Amino acid sequence: MNKIIVIPLSIFLPILIIVGVLSVASDKSEISSEIEEIENSVDADVIMPTKVSRPGCEEIDRCYIPSMVNIVKGETVTWLNEDSAFHSVTSGFYDEPTGLFDSGYMEYLQSFSYTFDDSGVFDYYCTLHPWMKAQVVVE
């Protein structure tokens, strides 16, 4: 014989609410841990933020943040990809790469560093998203 167990709503509902609250608290804890991990993982000079793989970031100058970095000769610049899409940091312009530096495809949270030994203005772009452009100014 099969028996059907009936749980009164007055008992079932509080259990359901507690399980839901614990689940949300756990998700928030995981998100906080991920954010902490990002903040502590790389001391980046330039960030590739989320959603810059779509055209439009260039209209508000937010494809690379900041879009212009000023440094002294001999200093190193570090880029960090915070977007879920692949990006690159490639010297020159989309139709004229200079070959000075190229990060290759950078995955989420991957970083790339380059030391600038010469003075000048160094343009760079993303090989996958040609609207993403920025500069390093070396004095």
Protein backbone atom coordinates (compact mmCIF):
# COMPACT_ATOMS: atom_id res chain seq x y z
CA MET A 1 0.00 0.00 0.00
CA ASN A 2 1.19 3.46 -0.87
CA LYS A 3 0.68 6.11 1.75
CA ILE A 4 0.50 9.79 0.95
CA ILE A 5 2.15 12.01 3.47
CA VAL A 6 0.54 15.39 3.85
CA ILE A 7 2.62 18.21 5.29
CA PRO A 8 0.57 21.10 6.63
CA LEU A 9 1.18 24.40 4.86
CA SER A 10 2.02 26.02 8.19
CA ILE A 11 5.10 23.77 8.42
CA PHE A 12 6.03 23.58 4.72
CA LEU A 13 5.93 27.34 3.98
CA PRO A 14 8.46 28.41 6.67
CA ILE A 15 10.84 25.65 5.55
CA LEU A 16 10.53 26.81 1.94
CA ILE A 17 11.24 30.43 2.96
CA ILE A 18 14.32 29.44 4.99
CA VAL A 19 15.73 27.39 2.12
CA GLY A 20 15.17 30.33 -0.26
CA VAL A 21 16.86 32.82 2.07
CA LEU A 22 19.86 30.53 2.57
CA SER A 23 20.17 30.07 -1.18
CA VAL A 24 20.19 33.83 -1.83
CA ALA A 25 22.69 34.41 0.99
CA SER A 26 24.96 31.74 -0.48
CA ASP A 27 24.79 33.36 -3.95
CA LYS A 28 25.65 36.79 -2.50
CA SER A 29 28.58 35.28 -0.64
CA GLU A 30 29.89 33.68 -3.84
CA ILE A 31 29.51 36.96 -5.77
CA SER A 32 31.31 38.88 -3.01
CA SER A 33 34.14 36.34 -3.09
CA GLU A 34 34.47 36.69 -6.88
CA ILE A 35 34.56 40.50 -6.64
CA GLU A 36 37.20 40.32 -3.91
CA GLU A 37 39.22 37.89 -6.03
CA ILE A 38 39.12 40.29 -8.99
CA GLU A 39 40.10 43.29 -6.87
CA ASN A 40 42.98 41.45 -5.23
CA SER A 41 44.23 39.50 -8.22
CA VAL A 42 45.81 42.10 -10.50
CA ASP A 43 46.82 45.70 -9.98
CA ALA A 44 45.79 46.87 -13.45
CA ASP A 45 46.40 50.27 -15.01
CA VAL A 46 43.81 49.75 -17.75
CA ILE A 47 40.58 47.75 -17.60
CA MET A 48 38.52 46.28 -20.41
CA PRO A 49 35.08 46.47 -18.78
CA THR A 50 32.04 44.33 -19.45
CA LYS A 51 30.07 44.62 -22.69
CA VAL A 52 32.75 46.48 -24.68
CA SER A 53 32.68 43.73 -27.28
CA ARG A 54 29.55 45.47 -28.59
CA PRO A 55 29.86 48.69 -30.58
CA GLY A 56 29.00 51.82 -28.61
CA CYS A 57 31.73 52.00 -25.95
CA GLU A 58 33.76 54.23 -28.28
CA GLU A 59 30.96 56.82 -28.25
CA ILE A 60 31.50 57.42 -24.54
CA ASP A 61 35.25 56.66 -24.55
CA ARG A 62 34.85 53.60 -22.28
CA CYS A 63 36.30 50.71 -24.32
CA TYR A 64 39.54 50.75 -22.35
CA ILE A 65 39.39 52.51 -18.97
CA PRO A 66 41.16 54.88 -18.93
CA SER A 67 41.53 55.44 -22.65
CA MET A 68 44.77 57.37 -22.17
CA VAL A 69 47.54 56.46 -19.75
CA ASN A 70 50.46 58.81 -19.03
CA ILE A 71 53.66 57.20 -17.78
CA VAL A 72 57.41 57.79 -17.60
CA LYS A 73 59.87 55.93 -19.83
CA GLY A 74 60.75 52.55 -18.30
CA GLU A 75 57.38 52.06 -16.57
CA THR A 76 55.07 49.12 -17.18
CA VAL A 77 51.38 49.24 -18.05
CA THR A 78 49.11 46.33 -17.11
CA TRP A 79 45.78 45.66 -18.82
CA LEU A 80 43.04 43.46 -17.32
CA ASN A 81 40.12 41.94 -19.23
CA GLU A 82 37.01 42.09 -17.02
CA ASP A 83 34.72 41.27 -19.94
CA SER A 84 33.41 37.78 -20.66
CA ALA A 85 34.44 38.25 -24.31
CA PHE A 86 37.98 37.78 -25.60
CA HIS A 87 39.96 41.00 -26.21
CA SER A 88 43.48 41.98 -27.19
CA VAL A 89 45.90 44.82 -26.60
CA THR A 90 47.72 45.33 -29.90
CA SER A 91 50.00 48.24 -30.80
CA GLY A 92 49.03 50.48 -33.71
CA PHE A 93 45.69 50.77 -35.44
CA TYR A 94 43.32 48.12 -36.77
CA ASP A 95 44.49 48.59 -40.37
CA GLU A 96 48.12 49.34 -39.36
CA PRO A 97 49.49 47.25 -36.48
CA THR A 98 53.03 48.27 -35.49
CA GLY A 99 54.17 44.94 -34.05
CA LEU A 100 55.58 46.57 -30.90
CA PHE A 101 53.32 44.62 -28.53
CA ASP A 102 50.42 42.19 -28.78
CA SER A 103 48.72 40.42 -25.91
CA GLY A 104 47.07 37.81 -28.10
CA TYR A 105 43.51 36.90 -27.15
CA MET A 106 42.87 37.62 -23.49
CA GLU A 107 40.23 35.63 -21.64
CA TYR A 108 38.10 36.86 -18.72
CA LEU A 109 40.37 38.10 -15.87
CA GLN A 110 43.53 37.55 -17.91
CA SER A 111 46.09 40.36 -17.78
CA PHE A 112 48.88 41.56 -20.04
CA SER A 113 51.79 43.86 -19.17
CA TYR A 114 54.24 45.76 -21.33
CA THR A 115 57.22 47.93 -20.34
CA PHE A 116 57.67 51.09 -22.42
CA ASP A 117 61.38 51.81 -22.90
CA ASP A 118 60.95 54.68 -25.37
CA SER A 119 59.16 58.03 -25.18
CA GLY A 120 56.23 58.75 -27.46
CA VAL A 121 52.55 58.23 -28.06
CA PHE A 122 51.62 54.58 -28.49
CA ASP A 123 48.21 53.80 -29.96
CA TYR A 124 46.66 50.40 -29.41
CA TYR A 125 43.44 48.56 -30.25
CA CYS A 126 41.59 45.25 -29.96
CA THR A 127 42.08 42.95 -32.97
CA LEU A 128 38.60 41.44 -32.44
CA HIS A 129 36.71 44.71 -31.89
CA PRO A 130 38.17 47.49 -34.09
CA TRP A 131 36.16 50.26 -32.36
CA MET A 132 38.19 49.65 -29.18
CA LYS A 133 41.14 52.08 -29.28
CA ALA A 134 43.30 53.86 -26.71
CA GLN A 135 46.76 55.34 -26.09
CA VAL A 136 49.75 55.22 -23.81
CA VAL A 137 51.72 58.47 -23.60
CA VAL A 138 55.30 57.94 -22.44
CA GLU A 139 57.41 60.92 -21.35
